[in-house]
Amino acid sequence: MNIIYTLYWDRGGANMATHAVLEALGVPYKLIEIDLTKQMQKTPEYLAINPNGKVPTLKHNEQVIYESSAILMYILDQHPESGLAPSLNSPKRGYYYQYLIWMSNTLQEAVDRWAHPENYISGDADLKQIKDKGNQALARCWDILNTDLGQKGPWLLGDELSGADFHLFMITYWSHGYDSRAEDWPNLRSHIQAMLKLDAIQNMLAQEGLSFEC
């Protein structure tokens, strides 16, 4: 079997969506673990691949791509037959881009403020304030998504499962241990439960040694 894609990953990291999409596509791929707890992301070898020192990173042919939403869009553009990305002339293509970029720039920023407030200030005097603001922003994001899913559902693009749903599942998985959990919003909870029925999600969770009940 010829390896098409190589995914650099960490357990439960921002690679989860890409990993599950690769499973959904059924294409050959290889996983290379970058254990963040062992600071493997800071080695010269990995920084030469991804100067940000983060996961995921994708290698495909001679290309190296980082940023989870960019990787998803890139992979799915290689496999238009999958139906996991709207066609270029589809009116849903804009919403597909919108959700992936919004989740990366707005939703994940709120997540990061809650989960890693130390990244936003020197010292720890105001960590709680940053964490609280992050939690408020996160709850607002869940409100938006819950409304959208209620109006369009069951998927972000209506009746069509897309890469955006895999990206959302990844973030809702992270929020399971947060003060503001996606699963506490009814339409988001239904989305999580629907995603958990997908073999691709279950395979990804098993391979990364993760579990999730909702």
N, C-alpha and C. Protein backbone atom coordinates (compact mmCIF):
# COMPACT_ATOMS: atom_id res chain seq x y z
N MET A 1 0.85 -1.20 0.00
CA MET A 1 0.00 0.00 0.00
C MET A 1 0.88 1.25 0.00
N ASN A 2 0.72 2.11 -0.96
CA ASN A 2 1.48 3.34 -1.02
C ASN A 2 0.90 4.38 -0.08
N ILE A 3 1.77 4.99 0.72
CA ILE A 3 1.32 6.03 1.64
C ILE A 3 1.06 7.31 0.85
N ILE A 4 -0.13 7.86 0.99
CA ILE A 4 -0.45 9.11 0.30
C ILE A 4 -0.18 10.30 1.21
N TYR A 5 -0.67 10.22 2.45
CA TYR A 5 -0.56 11.33 3.38
C TYR A 5 0.21 10.90 4.63
N THR A 6 0.99 11.83 5.18
CA THR A 6 1.63 11.64 6.48
C THR A 6 1.14 12.73 7.40
N LEU A 7 0.56 12.33 8.53
CA LEU A 7 -0.01 13.27 9.48
C LEU A 7 0.79 13.24 10.78
N TYR A 8 1.32 14.37 11.16
CA TYR A 8 2.01 14.53 12.44
C TYR A 8 0.95 14.94 13.46
N TRP A 9 0.91 14.21 14.57
CA TRP A 9 -0.23 14.34 15.46
C TRP A 9 0.19 14.21 16.92
N ASP A 10 -0.72 14.61 17.81
CA ASP A 10 -0.60 14.38 19.25
C ASP A 10 -1.95 13.92 19.76
N ARG A 11 -1.96 13.07 20.77
CA ARG A 11 -3.19 12.49 21.30
C ARG A 11 -4.19 13.58 21.70
N GLY A 12 -5.36 13.56 21.04
CA GLY A 12 -6.41 14.51 21.36
C GLY A 12 -6.11 15.93 20.91
N GLY A 13 -5.14 16.10 20.04
CA GLY A 13 -4.76 17.43 19.59
C GLY A 13 -5.61 17.93 18.43
N ALA A 14 -5.15 19.03 17.84
CA ALA A 14 -5.90 19.65 16.75
C ALA A 14 -5.85 18.82 15.47
N ASN A 15 -5.22 17.68 15.55
CA ASN A 15 -5.17 16.72 14.44
C ASN A 15 -6.41 15.84 14.36
N MET A 16 -7.26 15.85 15.39
CA MET A 16 -8.38 14.92 15.46
C MET A 16 -9.27 14.98 14.23
N ALA A 17 -9.60 16.20 13.79
CA ALA A 17 -10.51 16.34 12.64
C ALA A 17 -9.88 15.77 11.38
N THR A 18 -8.62 16.12 11.12
CA THR A 18 -7.94 15.59 9.94
C THR A 18 -7.83 14.08 9.99
N HIS A 19 -7.48 13.57 11.16
CA HIS A 19 -7.33 12.12 11.34
C HIS A 19 -8.64 11.42 11.00
N ALA A 20 -9.76 11.94 11.51
CA ALA A 20 -11.06 11.32 11.24
C ALA A 20 -11.45 11.45 9.78
N VAL A 21 -11.12 12.56 9.14
CA VAL A 21 -11.43 12.73 7.72
C VAL A 21 -10.63 11.74 6.88
N LEU A 22 -9.38 11.52 7.22
CA LEU A 22 -8.58 10.51 6.50
C LEU A 22 -9.22 9.14 6.62
N GLU A 23 -9.75 8.83 7.81
CA GLU A 23 -10.46 7.57 8.01
C GLU A 23 -11.72 7.52 7.14
N ALA A 24 -12.43 8.63 7.09
CA ALA A 24 -13.67 8.68 6.29
C ALA A 24 -13.38 8.50 4.81
N LEU A 25 -12.27 9.03 4.36
CA LEU A 25 -11.91 8.92 2.94
C LEU A 25 -11.43 7.52 2.57
N GLY A 26 -10.91 6.80 3.56
CA GLY A 26 -10.40 5.45 3.30
C GLY A 26 -9.14 5.43 2.47
N VAL A 27 -8.35 6.51 2.54
CA VAL A 27 -7.10 6.59 1.79
C VAL A 27 -5.94 6.13 2.68
N PRO A 28 -4.86 5.64 2.07
CA PRO A 28 -3.71 5.23 2.88
C PRO A 28 -2.98 6.44 3.47
N TYR A 29 -2.64 6.34 4.74
CA TYR A 29 -1.93 7.43 5.41
C TYR A 29 -1.06 6.85 6.52
N LYS A 30 -0.12 7.66 6.97
CA LYS A 30 0.77 7.28 8.06
C LYS A 30 0.70 8.32 9.16
N LEU A 31 0.70 7.87 10.40
CA LEU A 31 0.71 8.77 11.55
C LEU A 31 2.10 8.82 12.16
N ILE A 32 2.57 10.01 12.45
CA ILE A 32 3.83 10.19 13.18
C ILE A 32 3.51 11.01 14.42
N GLU A 33 3.67 10.39 15.58
CA GLU A 33 3.28 11.05 16.83
C GLU A 33 4.31 12.09 17.24
N ILE A 34 3.80 13.27 17.59
CA ILE A 34 4.59 14.35 18.18
C ILE A 34 4.03 14.56 19.58
N ASP A 35 4.65 13.94 20.56
CA ASP A 35 4.14 13.97 21.93
C ASP A 35 4.47 15.33 22.56
N LEU A 36 3.45 16.16 22.73
CA LEU A 36 3.66 17.49 23.28
C LEU A 36 4.12 17.45 24.73
N THR A 37 3.74 16.41 25.46
CA THR A 37 4.17 16.30 26.86
C THR A 37 5.67 16.07 26.97
N LYS A 38 6.27 15.58 25.89
CA LYS A 38 7.72 15.35 25.86
C LYS A 38 8.46 16.44 25.08
N GLN A 39 7.72 17.52 24.75
CA GLN A 39 8.30 18.66 24.05
C GLN A 39 8.85 18.29 22.67
N MET A 40 8.29 17.24 22.06
CA MET A 40 8.77 16.82 20.75
C MET A 40 8.50 17.87 19.68
N GLN A 41 7.53 18.74 19.93
CA GLN A 41 7.21 19.78 18.96
C GLN A 41 8.28 20.86 18.88
N LYS A 42 9.21 20.85 19.86
CA LYS A 42 10.25 21.87 19.91
C LYS A 42 11.60 21.37 19.40
N THR A 43 11.64 20.15 18.91
CA THR A 43 12.90 19.63 18.40
C THR A 43 13.26 20.32 17.09
N PRO A 44 14.53 20.46 16.78
CA PRO A 44 14.92 21.09 15.51
C PRO A 44 14.33 20.37 14.30
N GLU A 45 14.23 19.05 14.39
CA GLU A 45 13.71 18.28 13.28
C GLU A 45 12.26 18.64 12.99
N TYR A 46 11.45 18.77 14.06
CA TYR A 46 10.04 19.09 13.81
C TYR A 46 9.86 20.56 13.45
N LEU A 47 10.63 21.44 14.07
CA LEU A 47 10.52 22.86 13.76
C LEU A 47 10.92 23.14 12.30
N ALA A 48 11.74 22.28 11.75
CA ALA A 48 12.10 22.44 10.34
C ALA A 48 10.91 22.13 9.44
N ILE A 49 9.96 21.35 9.95
CA ILE A 49 8.74 21.01 9.21
C ILE A 49 7.65 22.03 9.49
N ASN A 50 7.45 22.32 10.77
CA ASN A 50 6.42 23.28 11.18
C ASN A 50 7.06 24.26 12.16
N PRO A 51 7.44 25.45 11.71
CA PRO A 51 8.14 26.41 12.57
C PRO A 51 7.30 26.92 13.73
N ASN A 52 5.99 26.66 13.70
CA ASN A 52 5.12 27.06 14.81
C ASN A 52 5.25 26.13 16.00
N GLY A 53 5.81 24.93 15.79
CA GLY A 53 5.94 23.98 16.88
C GLY A 53 4.60 23.50 17.39
N LYS A 54 3.66 23.26 16.46
CA LYS A 54 2.34 22.79 16.84
C LYS A 54 1.95 21.61 15.96
N VAL A 55 0.88 20.93 16.35
CA VAL A 55 0.27 19.91 15.50
C VAL A 55 -1.15 20.40 15.15
N PRO A 56 -1.65 19.94 14.00
CA PRO A 56 -1.09 18.94 13.09
C PRO A 56 -0.21 19.56 12.01
N THR A 57 0.53 18.69 11.36
CA THR A 57 1.22 19.02 10.12
C THR A 57 0.96 17.88 9.15
N LEU A 58 0.77 18.22 7.90
CA LEU A 58 0.51 17.22 6.87
C LEU A 58 1.60 17.26 5.82
N LYS A 59 2.08 16.08 5.41
CA LYS A 59 2.95 15.96 4.25
C LYS A 59 2.20 15.22 3.16
N HIS A 60 2.23 15.78 1.97
CA HIS A 60 1.60 15.15 0.81
C HIS A 60 2.47 15.43 -0.40
N ASN A 61 3.01 14.38 -0.98
CA ASN A 61 3.97 14.55 -2.07
C ASN A 61 5.12 15.43 -1.57
N GLU A 62 5.36 16.54 -2.20
CA GLU A 62 6.46 17.42 -1.78
C GLU A 62 5.96 18.59 -0.93
N GLN A 63 4.68 18.57 -0.61
CA GLN A 63 4.11 19.70 0.12
C GLN A 63 4.03 19.42 1.61
N VAL A 64 4.24 20.47 2.40
CA VAL A 64 4.06 20.42 3.84
C VAL A 64 3.06 21.52 4.20
N ILE A 65 2.00 21.13 4.90
CA ILE A 65 0.91 22.06 5.21
C ILE A 65 0.62 22.00 6.70
N TYR A 66 0.44 23.17 7.31
CA TYR A 66 -0.01 23.21 8.70
C TYR A 66 -1.23 24.11 8.82
N GLU A 67 -1.82 24.12 10.00
CA GLU A 67 -3.11 24.73 10.34
C GLU A 67 -4.23 23.75 9.99
N SER A 68 -4.96 23.35 11.04
CA SER A 68 -5.92 22.25 10.90
C SER A 68 -7.00 22.51 9.85
N SER A 69 -7.56 23.70 9.82
CA SER A 69 -8.62 23.96 8.83
C SER A 69 -8.06 23.98 7.42
N ALA A 70 -6.84 24.51 7.24
CA ALA A 70 -6.21 24.50 5.91
C ALA A 70 -5.94 23.08 5.45
N ILE A 71 -5.50 22.24 6.37
CA ILE A 71 -5.24 20.85 6.02
C ILE A 71 -6.53 20.16 5.59
N LEU A 72 -7.61 20.39 6.33
CA LEU A 72 -8.90 19.79 5.97
C LEU A 72 -9.33 20.22 4.57
N MET A 73 -9.27 21.51 4.32
CA MET A 73 -9.69 22.00 3.01
C MET A 73 -8.82 21.42 1.90
N TYR A 74 -7.52 21.35 2.15
CA TYR A 74 -6.60 20.82 1.15
C TYR A 74 -6.91 19.36 0.84
N ILE A 75 -7.02 18.54 1.89
CA ILE A 75 -7.27 17.11 1.67
C ILE A 75 -8.58 16.89 0.92
N LEU A 76 -9.63 17.57 1.34
CA LEU A 76 -10.93 17.34 0.72
C LEU A 76 -10.98 17.85 -0.71
N ASP A 77 -10.15 18.84 -1.03
CA ASP A 77 -10.07 19.28 -2.42
C ASP A 77 -9.38 18.23 -3.29
N GLN A 78 -8.58 17.36 -2.67
CA GLN A 78 -7.96 16.26 -3.42
C GLN A 78 -8.96 15.14 -3.70
N HIS A 79 -10.07 15.14 -2.96
CA HIS A 79 -11.04 14.05 -3.06
C HIS A 79 -12.46 14.60 -3.20
N PRO A 80 -12.76 15.30 -4.27
CA PRO A 80 -14.09 15.89 -4.44
C PRO A 80 -15.19 14.84 -4.50
N GLU A 81 -14.82 13.61 -4.87
CA GLU A 81 -15.81 12.54 -4.96
C GLU A 81 -16.38 12.14 -3.60
N SER A 82 -15.70 12.54 -2.53
CA SER A 82 -16.14 12.16 -1.18
C SER A 82 -17.45 12.84 -0.78
N GLY A 83 -17.72 14.00 -1.35
CA GLY A 83 -18.90 14.76 -0.97
C GLY A 83 -18.76 15.48 0.35
N LEU A 84 -17.57 15.46 0.96
CA LEU A 84 -17.36 16.10 2.26
C LEU A 84 -17.03 17.58 2.16
N ALA A 85 -16.98 18.08 0.93
CA ALA A 85 -16.85 19.52 0.70
C ALA A 85 -17.79 19.88 -0.45
N PRO A 86 -18.58 20.94 -0.31
CA PRO A 86 -19.46 21.33 -1.41
C PRO A 86 -18.65 21.65 -2.66
N SER A 87 -19.22 21.42 -3.81
CA SER A 87 -18.53 21.73 -5.06
C SER A 87 -18.31 23.23 -5.17
N LEU A 88 -17.36 23.62 -6.02
CA LEU A 88 -16.99 25.03 -6.14
C LEU A 88 -18.17 25.91 -6.53
N ASN A 89 -19.10 25.38 -7.30
CA ASN A 89 -20.25 26.19 -7.73
C ASN A 89 -21.47 26.03 -6.83
N SER A 90 -21.30 25.32 -5.72
CA SER A 90 -22.42 25.13 -4.79
C SER A 90 -22.61 26.38 -3.94
N PRO A 91 -23.87 26.79 -3.71
CA PRO A 91 -24.11 27.93 -2.82
C PRO A 91 -23.67 27.66 -1.38
N LYS A 92 -23.44 26.38 -1.06
CA LYS A 92 -23.00 26.04 0.31
C LYS A 92 -21.48 26.15 0.49
N ARG A 93 -20.77 26.36 -0.62
CA ARG A 93 -19.31 26.44 -0.52
C ARG A 93 -18.87 27.60 0.38
N GLY A 94 -19.55 28.72 0.27
CA GLY A 94 -19.22 29.88 1.10
C GLY A 94 -19.43 29.60 2.57
N TYR A 95 -20.51 28.91 2.91
CA TYR A 95 -20.77 28.58 4.31
C TYR A 95 -19.73 27.59 4.85
N TYR A 96 -19.31 26.68 3.99
CA TYR A 96 -18.26 25.72 4.34
C TYR A 96 -16.98 26.45 4.72
N TYR A 97 -16.55 27.41 3.88
CA TYR A 97 -15.39 28.22 4.21
C TYR A 97 -15.63 29.01 5.49
N GLN A 98 -16.82 29.60 5.57
CA GLN A 98 -17.15 30.43 6.73
C GLN A 98 -16.98 29.67 8.04
N TYR A 99 -17.58 28.49 8.11
CA TYR A 99 -17.53 27.73 9.36
C TYR A 99 -16.11 27.32 9.71
N LEU A 100 -15.34 26.85 8.73
CA LEU A 100 -13.99 26.41 9.04
C LEU A 100 -13.12 27.57 9.52
N ILE A 101 -13.22 28.72 8.87
CA ILE A 101 -12.40 29.87 9.27
C ILE A 101 -12.90 30.45 10.58
N TRP A 102 -14.22 30.53 10.75
CA TRP A 102 -14.78 31.05 12.00
C TRP A 102 -14.40 30.17 13.18
N MET A 103 -14.45 28.87 12.99
CA MET A 103 -14.07 27.98 14.09
C MET A 103 -12.60 28.13 14.44
N SER A 104 -11.76 28.34 13.44
CA SER A 104 -10.33 28.52 13.69
C SER A 104 -10.03 29.86 14.35
N ASN A 105 -10.66 30.93 13.86
CA ASN A 105 -10.32 32.28 14.30
C ASN A 105 -11.10 32.77 15.51
N THR A 106 -12.33 32.31 15.66
CA THR A 106 -13.21 32.84 16.71
C THR A 106 -13.47 31.80 17.80
N LEU A 107 -13.99 30.64 17.41
CA LEU A 107 -14.31 29.61 18.39
C LEU A 107 -13.05 29.10 19.08
N GLN A 108 -12.02 28.77 18.31
CA GLN A 108 -10.82 28.22 18.93
C GLN A 108 -10.06 29.28 19.74
N GLU A 109 -10.20 30.55 19.39
CA GLU A 109 -9.57 31.58 20.19
C GLU A 109 -10.24 31.66 21.57
N ALA A 110 -11.57 31.54 21.60
CA ALA A 110 -12.28 31.52 22.87
C ALA A 110 -11.86 30.30 23.69
N VAL A 111 -11.73 29.16 23.02
CA VAL A 111 -11.27 27.94 23.68
C VAL A 111 -9.89 28.17 24.30
N ASP A 112 -8.99 28.77 23.52
CA ASP A 112 -7.62 28.96 24.00
C ASP A 112 -7.57 29.91 25.18
N ARG A 113 -8.40 30.93 25.17
CA ARG A 113 -8.41 31.87 26.30
C ARG A 113 -8.87 31.17 27.58
N TRP A 114 -9.82 30.26 27.45
CA TRP A 114 -10.26 29.53 28.64
C TRP A 114 -9.22 28.50 29.07
N ALA A 115 -8.72 27.73 28.11
CA ALA A 115 -7.84 26.61 28.44
C ALA A 115 -6.42 27.04 28.74
N HIS A 116 -5.96 28.14 28.11
CA HIS A 116 -4.56 28.56 28.27
C HIS A 116 -4.48 30.07 28.51
N PRO A 117 -5.07 30.56 29.59
CA PRO A 117 -5.05 32.01 29.84
C PRO A 117 -3.65 32.56 30.03
N GLU A 118 -2.71 31.69 30.42
CA GLU A 118 -1.33 32.13 30.63
C GLU A 118 -0.67 32.63 29.35
N ASN A 119 -1.25 32.27 28.20
CA ASN A 119 -0.69 32.73 26.93
C ASN A 119 -1.02 34.19 26.63
N TYR A 120 -1.90 34.79 27.44
CA TYR A 120 -2.40 36.13 27.14
C TYR A 120 -1.94 37.18 28.14
N ILE A 121 -1.09 36.80 29.10
CA ILE A 121 -0.64 37.75 30.11
C ILE A 121 0.65 37.26 30.73
N SER A 122 1.47 38.20 31.19
CA SER A 122 2.66 37.85 31.95
C SER A 122 2.29 37.75 33.42
N GLY A 123 2.70 36.69 34.07
CA GLY A 123 2.30 36.49 35.46
C GLY A 123 0.94 35.85 35.54
N ASP A 124 0.42 35.70 36.75
CA ASP A 124 -0.84 34.98 36.92
C ASP A 124 -1.92 35.80 37.63
N ALA A 125 -1.68 37.10 37.83
CA ALA A 125 -2.61 37.91 38.63
C ALA A 125 -4.00 37.97 38.02
N ASP A 126 -4.09 38.03 36.70
CA ASP A 126 -5.39 38.22 36.06
C ASP A 126 -5.84 37.01 35.25
N LEU A 127 -5.30 35.84 35.56
CA LEU A 127 -5.65 34.65 34.80
C LEU A 127 -7.15 34.34 34.88
N LYS A 128 -7.73 34.53 36.06
CA LYS A 128 -9.15 34.22 36.22
C LYS A 128 -9.99 35.14 35.34
N GLN A 129 -9.62 36.40 35.27
CA GLN A 129 -10.39 37.33 34.45
C GLN A 129 -10.32 36.92 32.98
N ILE A 130 -9.15 36.54 32.51
CA ILE A 130 -9.02 36.10 31.12
C ILE A 130 -9.81 34.83 30.89
N LYS A 131 -9.74 33.92 31.86
CA LYS A 131 -10.47 32.66 31.75
C LYS A 131 -11.97 32.91 31.71
N ASP A 132 -12.45 33.81 32.55
CA ASP A 132 -13.88 34.13 32.58
C ASP A 132 -14.33 34.76 31.26
N LYS A 133 -13.51 35.67 30.72
CA LYS A 133 -13.85 36.29 29.44
C LYS A 133 -13.86 35.24 28.32
N GLY A 134 -12.90 34.32 28.38
CA GLY A 134 -12.88 33.24 27.40
C GLY A 134 -14.12 32.37 27.49
N ASN A 135 -14.55 32.11 28.71
CA ASN A 135 -15.75 31.29 28.91
C ASN A 135 -16.99 31.99 28.37
N GLN A 136 -17.08 33.30 28.58
CA GLN A 136 -18.22 34.06 28.06
C GLN A 136 -18.23 34.02 26.52
N ALA A 137 -17.05 34.19 25.93
CA ALA A 137 -16.97 34.16 24.46
C ALA A 137 -17.31 32.77 23.93
N LEU A 138 -16.87 31.75 24.65
CA LEU A 138 -17.15 30.38 24.24
C LEU A 138 -18.65 30.09 24.29
N ALA A 139 -19.30 30.52 25.36
CA ALA A 139 -20.74 30.32 25.48
C ALA A 139 -21.49 31.03 24.36
N ARG A 140 -21.02 32.21 23.98
CA ARG A 140 -21.64 32.94 22.88
C ARG A 140 -21.48 32.16 21.57
N CYS A 141 -20.31 31.58 21.36
CA CYS A 141 -20.09 30.77 20.17
C CYS A 141 -21.01 29.55 20.15
N TRP A 142 -21.17 28.91 21.29
CA TRP A 142 -22.08 27.75 21.35
C TRP A 142 -23.51 28.19 21.04
N ASP A 143 -23.89 29.38 21.52
CA ASP A 143 -25.23 29.90 21.21
C ASP A 143 -25.43 30.03 19.69
N ILE A 144 -24.43 30.57 19.03
CA ILE A 144 -24.52 30.78 17.57
C ILE A 144 -24.65 29.44 16.86
N LEU A 145 -23.80 28.49 17.21
CA LEU A 145 -23.83 27.18 16.57
C LEU A 145 -25.12 26.43 16.88
N ASN A 146 -25.58 26.55 18.12
CA ASN A 146 -26.81 25.86 18.51
C ASN A 146 -27.99 26.38 17.69
N THR A 147 -28.03 27.70 17.48
CA THR A 147 -29.09 28.30 16.67
C THR A 147 -28.98 27.84 15.21
N ASP A 148 -27.76 27.88 14.67
CA ASP A 148 -27.56 27.47 13.28
C ASP A 148 -27.98 26.02 13.07
N LEU A 149 -27.57 25.15 13.98
CA LEU A 149 -27.93 23.73 13.83
C LEU A 149 -29.43 23.52 13.97
N GLY A 150 -30.06 24.32 14.83
CA GLY A 150 -31.51 24.21 14.98
C GLY A 150 -32.26 24.64 13.72
N GLN A 151 -31.70 25.61 13.00
CA GLN A 151 -32.35 26.11 11.80
C GLN A 151 -32.00 25.31 10.56
N LYS A 152 -30.77 24.76 10.51
CA LYS A 152 -30.29 24.11 9.30
C LYS A 152 -30.14 22.61 9.45
N GLY A 153 -29.85 22.10 10.63
CA GLY A 153 -29.40 20.75 10.95
C GLY A 153 -29.87 19.65 10.01
N PRO A 154 -29.39 18.45 10.22
CA PRO A 154 -28.62 18.03 11.39
C PRO A 154 -27.14 18.40 11.34
N TRP A 155 -26.62 18.79 10.13
CA TRP A 155 -25.22 19.15 9.98
C TRP A 155 -25.09 20.65 9.79
N LEU A 156 -23.88 21.15 9.87
CA LEU A 156 -23.67 22.59 9.72
C LEU A 156 -24.16 23.10 8.37
N LEU A 157 -24.05 22.26 7.33
CA LEU A 157 -24.50 22.67 6.00
C LEU A 157 -25.88 22.12 5.67
N GLY A 158 -26.62 21.73 6.69
CA GLY A 158 -27.97 21.21 6.46
C GLY A 158 -27.97 19.70 6.44
N ASP A 159 -28.36 19.12 5.31
CA ASP A 159 -28.45 17.66 5.23
C ASP A 159 -27.18 17.03 4.68
N GLU A 160 -26.11 17.83 4.51
CA GLU A 160 -24.86 17.32 3.94
C GLU A 160 -23.74 17.35 4.98
N LEU A 161 -23.25 16.18 5.36
CA LEU A 161 -22.08 16.08 6.23
C LEU A 161 -20.88 16.66 5.49
N SER A 162 -20.06 17.43 6.20
CA SER A 162 -18.89 18.03 5.56
C SER A 162 -17.70 18.04 6.51
N GLY A 163 -16.55 18.44 5.98
CA GLY A 163 -15.36 18.57 6.80
C GLY A 163 -15.56 19.52 7.97
N ALA A 164 -16.45 20.50 7.81
CA ALA A 164 -16.72 21.44 8.89
C ALA A 164 -17.28 20.74 10.12
N ASP A 165 -18.08 19.69 9.91
CA ASP A 165 -18.64 18.94 11.03
C ASP A 165 -17.55 18.19 11.79
N PHE A 166 -16.55 17.69 11.08
CA PHE A 166 -15.44 17.01 11.74
C PHE A 166 -14.64 18.00 12.58
N HIS A 167 -14.46 19.19 12.06
CA HIS A 167 -13.73 20.22 12.81
C HIS A 167 -14.51 20.61 14.06
N LEU A 168 -15.82 20.77 13.92
CA LEU A 168 -16.65 21.11 15.08
C LEU A 168 -16.60 20.00 16.12
N PHE A 169 -16.67 18.75 15.69
CA PHE A 169 -16.61 17.66 16.66
C PHE A 169 -15.33 17.72 17.48
N MET A 170 -14.22 18.02 16.85
CA MET A 170 -12.95 18.10 17.56
C MET A 170 -13.03 19.11 18.71
N ILE A 171 -13.59 20.27 18.43
CA ILE A 171 -13.65 21.32 19.46
C ILE A 171 -14.68 20.97 20.53
N THR A 172 -15.79 20.36 20.12
CA THR A 172 -16.77 19.96 21.14
C THR A 172 -16.21 18.86 22.03
N TYR A 173 -15.36 18.01 21.48
CA TYR A 173 -14.68 17.00 22.29
C TYR A 173 -13.82 17.68 23.35
N TRP A 174 -13.04 18.67 22.94
CA TRP A 174 -12.19 19.38 23.91
C TRP A 174 -13.04 19.99 25.03
N SER A 175 -14.20 20.51 24.67
CA SER A 175 -15.00 21.27 25.66
C SER A 175 -15.64 20.38 26.72
N HIS A 176 -15.53 19.07 26.57
CA HIS A 176 -16.16 18.15 27.52
C HIS A 176 -15.72 18.43 28.96
N GLY A 177 -14.48 18.91 29.12
CA GLY A 177 -13.98 19.19 30.47
C GLY A 177 -13.97 20.67 30.82
N TYR A 178 -14.63 21.51 30.01
CA TYR A 178 -14.62 22.95 30.25
C TYR A 178 -15.80 23.37 31.12
N ASP A 179 -15.77 24.63 31.55
CA ASP A 179 -16.93 25.19 32.25
C ASP A 179 -18.11 25.34 31.29
N SER A 180 -17.81 25.68 30.04
CA SER A 180 -18.84 25.84 29.01
C SER A 180 -18.70 24.69 28.03
N ARG A 181 -19.57 23.70 28.15
CA ARG A 181 -19.47 22.48 27.34
C ARG A 181 -20.48 22.52 26.20
N ALA A 182 -20.03 22.19 25.01
CA ALA A 182 -20.93 22.17 23.86
C ALA A 182 -22.13 21.25 24.10
N GLU A 183 -21.88 20.15 24.76
CA GLU A 183 -22.94 19.15 24.95
C GLU A 183 -24.10 19.64 25.80
N ASP A 184 -23.93 20.79 26.47
CA ASP A 184 -25.02 21.33 27.28
C ASP A 184 -26.00 22.17 26.45
N TRP A 185 -25.72 22.33 25.16
CA TRP A 185 -26.65 22.98 24.22
C TRP A 185 -27.33 21.87 23.43
N PRO A 186 -28.65 21.83 23.38
CA PRO A 186 -29.35 20.65 22.84
C PRO A 186 -29.01 20.29 21.40
N ASN A 187 -28.92 21.28 20.52
CA ASN A 187 -28.63 20.97 19.12
C ASN A 187 -27.18 20.55 18.92
N LEU A 188 -26.29 21.11 19.71
CA LEU A 188 -24.89 20.69 19.68
C LEU A 188 -24.75 19.27 20.22
N ARG A 189 -25.51 18.96 21.25
CA ARG A 189 -25.48 17.61 21.79
C ARG A 189 -25.95 16.60 20.74
N SER A 190 -26.98 16.95 20.01
CA SER A 190 -27.45 16.06 18.94
C SER A 190 -26.40 15.90 17.86
N HIS A 191 -25.68 16.98 17.56
CA HIS A 191 -24.61 16.92 16.56
C HIS A 191 -23.50 15.99 17.03
N ILE A 192 -23.10 16.12 18.28
CA ILE A 192 -22.06 15.25 18.84
C ILE A 192 -22.49 13.78 18.75
N GLN A 193 -23.72 13.51 19.15
CA GLN A 193 -24.22 12.14 19.13
C GLN A 193 -24.25 11.57 17.72
N ALA A 194 -24.61 12.41 16.74
CA ALA A 194 -24.62 11.97 15.34
C ALA A 194 -23.20 11.69 14.85
N MET A 195 -22.26 12.53 15.23
CA MET A 195 -20.87 12.32 14.84
C MET A 195 -20.30 11.04 15.45
N LEU A 196 -20.69 10.76 16.68
CA LEU A 196 -20.19 9.57 17.36
C LEU A 196 -20.68 8.27 16.72
N LYS A 197 -21.69 8.37 15.86
CA LYS A 197 -22.18 7.18 15.16
C LYS A 197 -21.36 6.87 13.91
N LEU A 198 -20.48 7.78 13.52
CA LEU A 198 -19.68 7.59 12.32
C LEU A 198 -18.49 6.67 12.60
N ASP A 199 -18.28 5.70 11.75
CA ASP A 199 -17.13 4.80 11.91
C ASP A 199 -15.82 5.57 11.91
N ALA A 200 -15.73 6.61 11.09
CA ALA A 200 -14.49 7.38 11.00
C ALA A 200 -14.14 8.02 12.33
N ILE A 201 -15.15 8.52 13.03
CA ILE A 201 -14.92 9.12 14.35
C ILE A 201 -14.51 8.06 15.36
N GLN A 202 -15.20 6.95 15.37
CA GLN A 202 -14.87 5.88 16.31
C GLN A 202 -13.47 5.33 16.05
N ASN A 203 -13.10 5.18 14.78
CA ASN A 203 -11.77 4.69 14.45
C ASN A 203 -10.70 5.67 14.91
N MET A 204 -10.93 6.96 14.69
CA MET A 204 -9.98 7.97 15.13
C MET A 204 -9.82 7.95 16.64
N LEU A 205 -10.93 7.90 17.36
CA LEU A 205 -10.87 7.88 18.83
C LEU A 205 -10.09 6.67 19.32
N ALA A 206 -10.36 5.51 18.72
CA ALA A 206 -9.68 4.29 19.13
C ALA A 206 -8.18 4.37 18.86
N GLN A 207 -7.82 4.88 17.69
CA GLN A 207 -6.40 4.96 17.34
C GLN A 207 -5.65 5.97 18.21
N GLU A 208 -6.34 6.99 18.68
CA GLU A 208 -5.68 7.99 19.53
C GLU A 208 -5.83 7.67 21.01
N GLY A 209 -6.49 6.56 21.31
CA GLY A 209 -6.65 6.16 22.70
C GLY A 209 -7.58 7.07 23.48
N LEU A 210 -8.63 7.53 22.82
CA LEU A 210 -9.58 8.46 23.42
C LEU A 210 -10.95 7.83 23.54
N SER A 211 -11.78 8.40 24.40
CA SER A 211 -13.17 7.96 24.52
C SER A 211 -14.03 9.19 24.77
N PHE A 212 -15.29 9.09 24.40
CA PHE A 212 -16.20 10.22 24.57
C PHE A 212 -17.61 9.69 24.62
N GLU A 213 -18.30 9.98 25.69
CA GLU A 213 -19.71 9.63 25.80
C GLU A 213 -20.50 10.91 26.00
N CYS A 214 -21.62 11.00 25.32
CA CYS A 214 -22.43 12.20 25.40
C CYS A 214 -23.91 11.80 25.41
